[in-house]
């Protein structure tokens, strides 16, 4: 994995039961990827092993850091993809 976890990301992984493999999968083969700015990108991935919930991983591509990760309820309603996505 080319990204490094911030301490906050490690803390939320532990508190939310998010596995490192799920984060790696979201970064390598996302269901949806969104560039927010030069310093923020969002990666989304449906996690089958976690009741098909949509994992959102926020990264800073300039310093290659994973900022946070959480299960996004809004994206789950959209099927873990942008509504404009084909």
PDB file of N, CA and C in Angstrom:
ATOM      1  N   UNK A   1       0.858  -1.173   0.000  1.00  0.00           N
ATOM      2  CA  UNK A   1       0.000   0.000   0.000  1.00  0.00           C
ATOM      3  C   UNK A   1       0.900   1.231   0.000  1.00  0.00           C
ATOM      4  N   UNK A   2       0.637   2.146  -0.914  1.00  0.00           N
ATOM      5  CA  UNK A   2       1.495   3.329  -1.015  1.00  0.00           C
ATOM      6  C   UNK A   2       1.132   4.409  -0.009  1.00  0.00           C
ATOM      7  N   UNK A   3      -0.025   4.284   0.654  1.00  0.00           N
ATOM      8  CA  UNK A   3      -0.463   5.283   1.619  1.00  0.00           C
ATOM      9  C   UNK A   3      -0.078   4.866   3.038  1.00  0.00           C
ATOM     10  N   UNK A   4       0.174   5.859   3.871  1.00  0.00           N
ATOM     11  CA  UNK A   4       0.495   5.634   5.283  1.00  0.00           C
ATOM     12  C   UNK A   4      -0.720   6.044   6.122  1.00  0.00           C
ATOM     13  N   UNK A   5      -0.999   5.282   7.155  1.00  0.00           N
ATOM     14  CA  UNK A   5      -2.114   5.594   8.044  1.00  0.00           C
ATOM     15  C   UNK A   5      -1.734   6.682   9.036  1.00  0.00           C
ATOM     16  N   UNK A   6      -2.584   7.686   9.198  1.00  0.00           N
ATOM     17  CA  UNK A   6      -2.392   8.658  10.272  1.00  0.00           C
ATOM     18  C   UNK A   6      -2.822   7.997  11.579  1.00  0.00           C
ATOM     19  N   UNK A   7      -2.454   8.577  12.697  1.00  0.00           N
ATOM     20  CA  UNK A   7      -2.881   8.030  13.986  1.00  0.00           C
ATOM     21  C   UNK A   7      -4.397   8.058  14.102  1.00  0.00           C
ATOM     22  N   UNK A   8      -5.021   9.102  13.584  1.00  0.00           N
ATOM     23  CA  UNK A   8      -6.483   9.181  13.608  1.00  0.00           C
ATOM     24  C   UNK A   8      -7.088   8.008  12.838  1.00  0.00           C
ATOM     25  N   UNK A   9      -6.532   7.699  11.673  1.00  0.00           N
ATOM     26  CA  UNK A   9      -7.038   6.577  10.879  1.00  0.00           C
ATOM     27  C   UNK A   9      -6.903   5.261  11.640  1.00  0.00           C
ATOM     28  N   UNK A  10      -5.783   5.061  12.302  1.00  0.00           N
ATOM     29  CA  UNK A  10      -5.587   3.849  13.112  1.00  0.00           C
ATOM     30  C   UNK A  10      -6.625   3.790  14.226  1.00  0.00           C
ATOM     31  N   UNK A  11      -6.846   4.909  14.892  1.00  0.00           N
ATOM     32  CA  UNK A  11      -7.819   4.956  15.993  1.00  0.00           C
ATOM     33  C   UNK A  11      -9.228   4.618  15.519  1.00  0.00           C
ATOM     34  N   UNK A  12      -9.644   5.198  14.382  1.00  0.00           N
ATOM     35  CA  UNK A  12     -11.004   4.924  13.906  1.00  0.00           C
ATOM     36  C   UNK A  12     -11.140   3.501  13.386  1.00  0.00           C
ATOM     37  N   UNK A  13     -10.075   2.956  12.833  1.00  0.00           N
ATOM     38  CA  UNK A  13     -10.117   1.550  12.402  1.00  0.00           C
ATOM     39  C   UNK A  13     -10.402   0.652  13.596  1.00  0.00           C
ATOM     40  N   UNK A  14      -9.706   0.900  14.693  1.00  0.00           N
ATOM     41  CA  UNK A  14      -9.894   0.087  15.889  1.00  0.00           C
ATOM     42  C   UNK A  14     -11.280   0.284  16.490  1.00  0.00           C
ATOM     43  N   UNK A  15     -11.728   1.518  16.577  1.00  0.00           N
ATOM     44  CA  UNK A  15     -13.016   1.787  17.223  1.00  0.00           C
ATOM     45  C   UNK A  15     -14.208   1.379  16.362  1.00  0.00           C
ATOM     46  N   UNK A  16     -14.032   1.366  15.031  1.00  0.00           N
ATOM     47  CA  UNK A  16     -15.157   1.055  14.134  1.00  0.00           C
ATOM     48  C   UNK A  16     -15.079  -0.343  13.535  1.00  0.00           C
ATOM     49  N   UNK A  17     -14.081  -1.105  13.909  1.00  0.00           N
ATOM     50  CA  UNK A  17     -13.961  -2.473  13.408  1.00  0.00           C
ATOM     51  C   UNK A  17     -13.620  -2.552  11.932  1.00  0.00           C
ATOM     52  N   UNK A  18     -12.854  -1.597  11.444  1.00  0.00           N
ATOM     53  CA  UNK A  18     -12.475  -1.563  10.031  1.00  0.00           C
ATOM     54  C   UNK A  18     -11.133  -2.276   9.866  1.00  0.00           C
ATOM     55  N   UNK A  19     -11.104  -3.239   8.966  1.00  0.00           N
ATOM     56  CA  UNK A  19      -9.883  -4.001   8.738  1.00  0.00           C
ATOM     57  C   UNK A  19      -8.993  -3.311   7.711  1.00  0.00           C
ATOM     58  N   UNK A  20      -7.700  -3.434   7.902  1.00  0.00           N
ATOM     59  CA  UNK A  20      -6.736  -2.828   6.984  1.00  0.00           C
ATOM     60  C   UNK A  20      -6.920  -3.353   5.564  1.00  0.00           C
ATOM     61  N   UNK A  21      -7.278  -4.615   5.425  1.00  0.00           N
ATOM     62  CA  UNK A  21      -7.489  -5.210   4.106  1.00  0.00           C
ATOM     63  C   UNK A  21      -8.632  -4.522   3.363  1.00  0.00           C
ATOM     64  N   UNK A  22      -9.648  -4.096   4.096  1.00  0.00           N
ATOM     65  CA  UNK A  22     -10.771  -3.396   3.475  1.00  0.00           C
ATOM     66  C   UNK A  22     -10.324  -2.048   2.938  1.00  0.00           C
ATOM     67  N   UNK A  23      -9.488  -1.361   3.697  1.00  0.00           N
ATOM     68  CA  UNK A  23      -8.966  -0.066   3.246  1.00  0.00           C
ATOM     69  C   UNK A  23      -8.103  -0.261   2.004  1.00  0.00           C
ATOM     70  N   UNK A  24      -7.238  -1.256   2.033  1.00  0.00           N
ATOM     71  CA  UNK A  24      -6.390  -1.540   0.872  1.00  0.00           C
ATOM     72  C   UNK A  24      -7.231  -1.848  -0.353  1.00  0.00           C
ATOM     73  N   UNK A  25      -8.285  -2.619  -0.171  1.00  0.00           N
ATOM     74  CA  UNK A  25      -9.176  -2.961  -1.280  1.00  0.00           C
ATOM     75  C   UNK A  25      -9.873  -1.722  -1.841  1.00  0.00           C
ATOM     76  N   UNK A  26     -10.298  -0.832  -0.960  1.00  0.00           N
ATOM     77  CA  UNK A  26     -10.958   0.406  -1.401  1.00  0.00           C
ATOM     78  C   UNK A  26      -9.999   1.274  -2.204  1.00  0.00           C
ATOM     79  N   UNK A  27      -8.746   1.303  -1.820  1.00  0.00           N
ATOM     80  CA  UNK A  27      -7.764   2.115  -2.526  1.00  0.00           C
ATOM     81  C   UNK A  27      -7.346   1.490  -3.848  1.00  0.00           C
ATOM     82  N   UNK A  28      -7.264   0.166  -3.891  1.00  0.00           N
ATOM     83  CA  UNK A  28      -6.802  -0.522  -5.093  1.00  0.00           C
ATOM     84  C   UNK A  28      -7.901  -0.702  -6.138  1.00  0.00           C
ATOM     85  N   UNK A  29      -9.106  -1.057  -5.685  1.00  0.00           N
ATOM     86  CA  UNK A  29     -10.234  -1.299  -6.604  1.00  0.00           C
ATOM     87  C   UNK A  29     -11.502  -0.666  -6.049  1.00  0.00           C
ATOM     88  N   UNK A  30     -11.577   0.659  -6.056  1.00  0.00           N
ATOM     89  CA  UNK A  30     -12.751   1.318  -5.472  1.00  0.00           C
ATOM     90  C   UNK A  30     -14.009   1.104  -6.310  1.00  0.00           C
ATOM     91  N   UNK A  31     -15.156   1.095  -5.628  1.00  0.00           N
ATOM     92  CA  UNK A  31     -16.444   1.106  -6.330  1.00  0.00           C
ATOM     93  C   UNK A  31     -16.659   2.478  -6.949  1.00  0.00           C
ATOM     94  N   UNK A  32     -16.119   3.489  -6.271  1.00  0.00           N
ATOM     95  CA  UNK A  32     -16.232   4.868  -6.734  1.00  0.00           C
ATOM     96  C   UNK A  32     -15.076   5.660  -6.152  1.00  0.00           C
ATOM     97  N   UNK A  33     -14.546   6.595  -6.927  1.00  0.00           N
ATOM     98  CA  UNK A  33     -13.418   7.437  -6.504  1.00  0.00           C
ATOM     99  C   UNK A  33     -13.765   8.878  -6.841  1.00  0.00           C
ATOM    100  N   UNK A  34     -13.531   9.774  -5.900  1.00  0.00           N
ATOM    101  CA  UNK A  34     -13.876  11.174  -6.096  1.00  0.00           C
ATOM    102  C   UNK A  34     -12.707  12.064  -5.668  1.00  0.00           C
ATOM    103  N   UNK A  35     -12.300  12.960  -6.554  1.00  0.00           N
ATOM    104  CA  UNK A  35     -11.259  13.934  -6.230  1.00  0.00           C
ATOM    105  C   UNK A  35     -11.964  15.194  -5.741  1.00  0.00           C
ATOM    106  N   UNK A  36     -11.732  15.539  -4.497  1.00  0.00           N
ATOM    107  CA  UNK A  36     -12.365  16.704  -3.877  1.00  0.00           C
ATOM    108  C   UNK A  36     -11.515  17.956  -4.114  1.00  0.00           C
ATOM    109  N   UNK A  37     -10.208  17.834  -3.897  1.00  0.00           N
ATOM    110  CA  UNK A  37      -9.277  18.949  -4.093  1.00  0.00           C
ATOM    111  C   UNK A  37      -7.885  18.362  -4.293  1.00  0.00           C
ATOM    112  N   UNK A  38      -6.894  19.231  -4.383  1.00  0.00           N
ATOM    113  CA  UNK A  38      -5.511  18.756  -4.522  1.00  0.00           C
ATOM    114  C   UNK A  38      -5.047  17.969  -3.306  1.00  0.00           C
ATOM    115  N   UNK A  39      -5.702  18.213  -2.170  1.00  0.00           N
ATOM    116  CA  UNK A  39      -5.259  17.577  -0.926  1.00  0.00           C
ATOM    117  C   UNK A  39      -6.277  16.599  -0.344  1.00  0.00           C
ATOM    118  N   UNK A  40      -7.325  16.275  -1.107  1.00  0.00           N
ATOM    119  CA  UNK A  40      -8.340  15.360  -0.565  1.00  0.00           C
ATOM    120  C   UNK A  40      -8.985  14.532  -1.665  1.00  0.00           C
ATOM    121  N   UNK A  41      -8.957  13.214  -1.468  1.00  0.00           N
ATOM    122  CA  UNK A  41      -9.631  12.273  -2.354  1.00  0.00           C
ATOM    123  C   UNK A  41     -10.428  11.290  -1.515  1.00  0.00           C
ATOM    124  N   UNK A  42     -11.565  10.840  -2.063  1.00  0.00           N
ATOM    125  CA  UNK A  42     -12.423   9.875  -1.386  1.00  0.00           C
ATOM    126  C   UNK A  42     -12.482   8.601  -2.217  1.00  0.00           C
ATOM    127  N   UNK A  43     -12.314   7.476  -1.553  1.00  0.00           N
ATOM    128  CA  UNK A  43     -12.426   6.162  -2.176  1.00  0.00           C
ATOM    129  C   UNK A  43     -13.562   5.420  -1.479  1.00  0.00           C
ATOM    130  N   UNK A  44     -14.448   4.813  -2.261  1.00  0.00           N
ATOM    131  CA  UNK A  44     -15.591   4.088  -1.719  1.00  0.00           C
ATOM    132  C   UNK A  44     -15.526   2.638  -2.173  1.00  0.00           C
ATOM    133  N   UNK A  45     -15.918   1.734  -1.282  1.00  0.00           N
ATOM    134  CA  UNK A  45     -15.905   0.308  -1.610  1.00  0.00           C
ATOM    135  C   UNK A  45     -16.978  -0.415  -0.803  1.00  0.00           C
ATOM    136  N   UNK A  46     -17.782  -1.226  -1.479  1.00  0.00           N
ATOM    137  CA  UNK A  46     -18.744  -2.076  -0.788  1.00  0.00           C
ATOM    138  C   UNK A  46     -17.984  -3.213  -0.111  1.00  0.00           C
ATOM    139  N   UNK A  47     -18.233  -3.393   1.178  1.00  0.00           N
ATOM    140  CA  UNK A  47     -17.558  -4.445   1.946  1.00  0.00           C
ATOM    141  C   UNK A  47     -18.570  -5.563   2.197  1.00  0.00           C
ATOM    142  N   UNK A  48     -18.451  -6.620   1.408  1.00  0.00           N
ATOM    143  CA  UNK A  48     -19.387  -7.749   1.497  1.00  0.00           C
ATOM    144  C   UNK A  48     -19.393  -8.366   2.894  1.00  0.00           C
ATOM    145  N   UNK A  49     -18.205  -8.481   3.496  1.00  0.00           N
ATOM    146  CA  UNK A  49     -18.082  -9.127   4.801  1.00  0.00           C
ATOM    147  C   UNK A  49     -18.668  -8.290   5.938  1.00  0.00           C
ATOM    148  N   UNK A  50     -19.061  -7.066   5.643  1.00  0.00           N
ATOM    149  CA  UNK A  50     -19.612  -6.187   6.670  1.00  0.00           C
ATOM    150  C   UNK A  50     -21.007  -5.728   6.238  1.00  0.00           C
ATOM    151  N   UNK A  51     -21.851  -6.698   5.937  1.00  0.00           N
ATOM    152  CA  UNK A  51     -23.254  -6.465   5.562  1.00  0.00           C
ATOM    153  C   UNK A  51     -23.404  -5.540   4.361  1.00  0.00           C
ATOM    154  N   UNK A  52     -22.471  -5.647   3.410  1.00  0.00           N
ATOM    155  CA  UNK A  52     -22.504  -4.845   2.185  1.00  0.00           C
ATOM    156  C   UNK A  52     -22.519  -3.347   2.448  1.00  0.00           C
ATOM    157  N   UNK A  53     -21.916  -2.931   3.536  1.00  0.00           N
ATOM    158  CA  UNK A  53     -21.855  -1.501   3.847  1.00  0.00           C
ATOM    159  C   UNK A  53     -20.785  -0.832   2.992  1.00  0.00           C
ATOM    160  N   UNK A  54     -20.926   0.464   2.813  1.00  0.00           N
ATOM    161  CA  UNK A  54     -20.037   1.236   1.947  1.00  0.00           C
ATOM    162  C   UNK A  54     -18.947   1.910   2.778  1.00  0.00           C
ATOM    163  N   UNK A  55     -17.716   1.475   2.580  1.00  0.00           N
ATOM    164  CA  UNK A  55     -16.580   2.042   3.283  1.00  0.00           C
ATOM    165  C   UNK A  55     -16.065   3.254   2.520  1.00  0.00           C
ATOM    166  N   UNK A  56     -15.873   4.349   3.230  1.00  0.00           N
ATOM    167  CA  UNK A  56     -15.301   5.566   2.653  1.00  0.00           C
ATOM    168  C   UNK A  56     -13.923   5.762   3.267  1.00  0.00           C
ATOM    169  N   UNK A  57     -12.930   5.918   2.398  1.00  0.00           N
ATOM    170  CA  UNK A  57     -11.562   6.160   2.842  1.00  0.00           C
ATOM    171  C   UNK A  57     -11.151   7.526   2.308  1.00  0.00           C
ATOM    172  N   UNK A  58     -10.753   8.410   3.209  1.00  0.00           N
ATOM    173  CA  UNK A  58     -10.339   9.763   2.843  1.00  0.00           C
ATOM    174  C   UNK A  58      -8.817   9.820   2.886  1.00  0.00           C
ATOM    175  N   UNK A  59      -8.217  10.242   1.774  1.00  0.00           N
ATOM    176  CA  UNK A  59      -6.762  10.313   1.708  1.00  0.00           C
ATOM    177  C   UNK A  59      -6.312  11.702   1.284  1.00  0.00           C
ATOM    178  N   UNK A  60      -5.091  12.019   1.683  1.00  0.00           N
ATOM    179  CA  UNK A  60      -4.417  13.223   1.217  1.00  0.00           C
ATOM    180  C   UNK A  60      -3.353  12.744   0.231  1.00  0.00           C
ATOM    181  N   UNK A  61      -3.570  12.946  -1.077  1.00  0.00           N
ATOM    182  CA  UNK A  61      -2.624  12.419  -2.066  1.00  0.00           C
ATOM    183  C   UNK A  61      -1.285  13.162  -2.100  1.00  0.00           C
ATOM    184  N   UNK A  62      -1.236  14.366  -1.548  1.00  0.00           N
ATOM    185  CA  UNK A  62       0.017  15.120  -1.584  1.00  0.00           C
ATOM    186  C   UNK A  62       1.055  14.561  -0.628  1.00  0.00           C
ATOM    187  N   UNK A  63       0.599  14.044   0.510  1.00  0.00           N
ATOM    188  CA  UNK A  63       1.555  13.437   1.454  1.00  0.00           C
ATOM    189  C   UNK A  63       1.332  11.929   1.611  1.00  0.00           C
ATOM    190  N   UNK A  64       0.435  11.372   0.777  1.00  0.00           N
ATOM    191  CA  UNK A  64       0.158   9.928   0.758  1.00  0.00           C
ATOM    192  C   UNK A  64      -0.275   9.395   2.118  1.00  0.00           C
ATOM    193  N   UNK A  65      -1.179  10.133   2.764  1.00  0.00           N
ATOM    194  CA  UNK A  65      -1.684   9.737   4.090  1.00  0.00           C
ATOM    195  C   UNK A  65      -3.168   9.395   4.016  1.00  0.00           C
ATOM    196  N   UNK A  66      -3.541   8.337   4.715  1.00  0.00           N
ATOM    197  CA  UNK A  66      -4.945   8.006   4.914  1.00  0.00           C
ATOM    198  C   UNK A  66      -5.394   8.803   6.126  1.00  0.00           C
ATOM    199  N   UNK A  67      -6.343   9.700   5.911  1.00  0.00           N
ATOM    200  CA  UNK A  67      -6.784  10.614   6.956  1.00  0.00           C
ATOM    201  C   UNK A  67      -7.800   9.949   7.875  1.00  0.00           C
ATOM    202  N   UNK A  68      -8.793   9.277   7.274  1.00  0.00           N
ATOM    203  CA  UNK A  68      -9.837   8.620   8.061  1.00  0.00           C
ATOM    204  C   UNK A  68     -10.535   7.577   7.204  1.00  0.00           C
ATOM    205  N   UNK A  69     -11.346   6.766   7.848  1.00  0.00           N
ATOM    206  CA  UNK A  69     -12.167   5.769   7.156  1.00  0.00           C
ATOM    207  C   UNK A  69     -13.409   5.524   7.994  1.00  0.00           C
ATOM    208  N   UNK A  70     -14.529   5.376   7.309  1.00  0.00           N
ATOM    209  CA  UNK A  70     -15.779   5.090   8.020  1.00  0.00           C
ATOM    210  C   UNK A  70     -16.805   4.539   7.040  1.00  0.00           C
ATOM    211  N   UNK A  71     -17.849   3.943   7.586  1.00  0.00           N
ATOM    212  CA  UNK A  71     -18.932   3.427   6.752  1.00  0.00           C
ATOM    213  C   UNK A  71     -19.923   4.553   6.500  1.00  0.00           C
ATOM    214  N   UNK A  72     -20.092   4.900   5.221  1.00  0.00           N
ATOM    215  CA  UNK A  72     -20.875   6.051   4.795  1.00  0.00           C
ATOM    216  C   UNK A  72     -22.320   5.626   4.512  1.00  0.00           C
ATOM    217  N   UNK A  73     -23.233   6.038   5.349  1.00  0.00           N
ATOM    218  CA  UNK A  73     -24.645   5.661   5.197  1.00  0.00           C
ATOM    219  C   UNK A  73     -25.271   6.257   3.948  1.00  0.00           C
ATOM    220  N   UNK A  74     -24.893   7.481   3.602  1.00  0.00           N
ATOM    221  CA  UNK A  74     -25.460   8.112   2.414  1.00  0.00           C
ATOM    222  C   UNK A  74     -25.068   7.375   1.141  1.00  0.00           C
ATOM    223  N   UNK A  75     -23.822   6.960   1.045  1.00  0.00           N
ATOM    224  CA  UNK A  75     -23.369   6.239  -0.145  1.00  0.00           C
ATOM    225  C   UNK A  75     -23.950   4.829  -0.187  1.00  0.00           C
ATOM    226  N   UNK A  76     -24.213   4.240   0.944  1.00  0.00           N
ATOM    227  CA  UNK A  76     -24.820   2.910   0.940  1.00  0.00           C
ATOM    228  C   UNK A  76     -26.190   2.963   0.282  1.00  0.00           C
ATOM    229  N   UNK A  77     -26.927   4.035   0.534  1.00  0.00           N
ATOM    230  CA  UNK A  77     -28.248   4.199  -0.076  1.00  0.00           C
ATOM    231  C   UNK A  77     -28.143   4.318  -1.592  1.00  0.00           C
ATOM    232  N   UNK A  78     -27.008   4.807  -2.064  1.00  0.00           N
ATOM    233  CA  UNK A  78     -26.786   4.966  -3.514  1.00  0.00           C
ATOM    234  C   UNK A  78     -26.111   3.743  -4.122  1.00  0.00           C
ATOM    235  N   UNK A  79     -25.904   2.719  -3.322  1.00  0.00           N
ATOM    236  CA  UNK A  79     -25.230   1.517  -3.816  1.00  0.00           C
ATOM    237  C   UNK A  79     -23.715   1.677  -3.860  1.00  0.00           C
ATOM    238  N   UNK A  80     -23.186   2.546  -3.019  1.00  0.00           N
ATOM    239  CA  UNK A  80     -21.738   2.774  -2.913  1.00  0.00           C
ATOM    240  C   UNK A  80     -21.162   3.345  -4.205  1.00  0.00           C
ATOM    241  N   UNK A  81     -21.926   4.223  -4.849  1.00  0.00           N
ATOM    242  CA  UNK A  81     -21.459   4.882  -6.038  1.00  0.00           C
ATOM    243  C   UNK A  81     -22.158   6.220  -6.197  1.00  0.00           C
ATOM    244  N   UNK A  82     -21.586   7.060  -7.021  1.00  0.00           N
ATOM    245  CA  UNK A  82     -22.177   8.358  -7.310  1.00  0.00           C
ATOM    246  C   UNK A  82     -23.429   8.140  -8.143  1.00  0.00           C
ATOM    247  N   UNK A  83     -24.479   8.892  -7.872  1.00  0.00           N
ATOM    248  CA  UNK A  83     -25.726   8.707  -8.616  1.00  0.00           C
ATOM    249  C   UNK A  83     -25.588   9.050 -10.089  1.00  0.00           C
ATOM    250  N   UNK A  84     -24.528   9.807 -10.464  1.00  0.00           N
ATOM    251  CA  UNK A  84     -24.278  10.127 -11.867  1.00  0.00           C
ATOM    252  C   UNK A  84     -23.407   9.080 -12.554  1.00  0.00           C
ATOM    253  N   UNK A  85     -22.894   8.142 -11.768  1.00  0.00           N
ATOM    254  CA  UNK A  85     -22.004   7.113 -12.290  1.00  0.00           C
ATOM    255  C   UNK A  85     -22.809   6.095 -13.091  1.00  0.00           C
ATOM    256  N   UNK A  86     -22.270   5.680 -14.229  1.00  0.00           N
ATOM    257  CA  UNK A  86     -22.969   4.719 -15.099  1.00  0.00           C
ATOM    258  C   UNK A  86     -22.698   3.312 -14.630  1.00  0.00           C
TER     259      UNK A  86
END
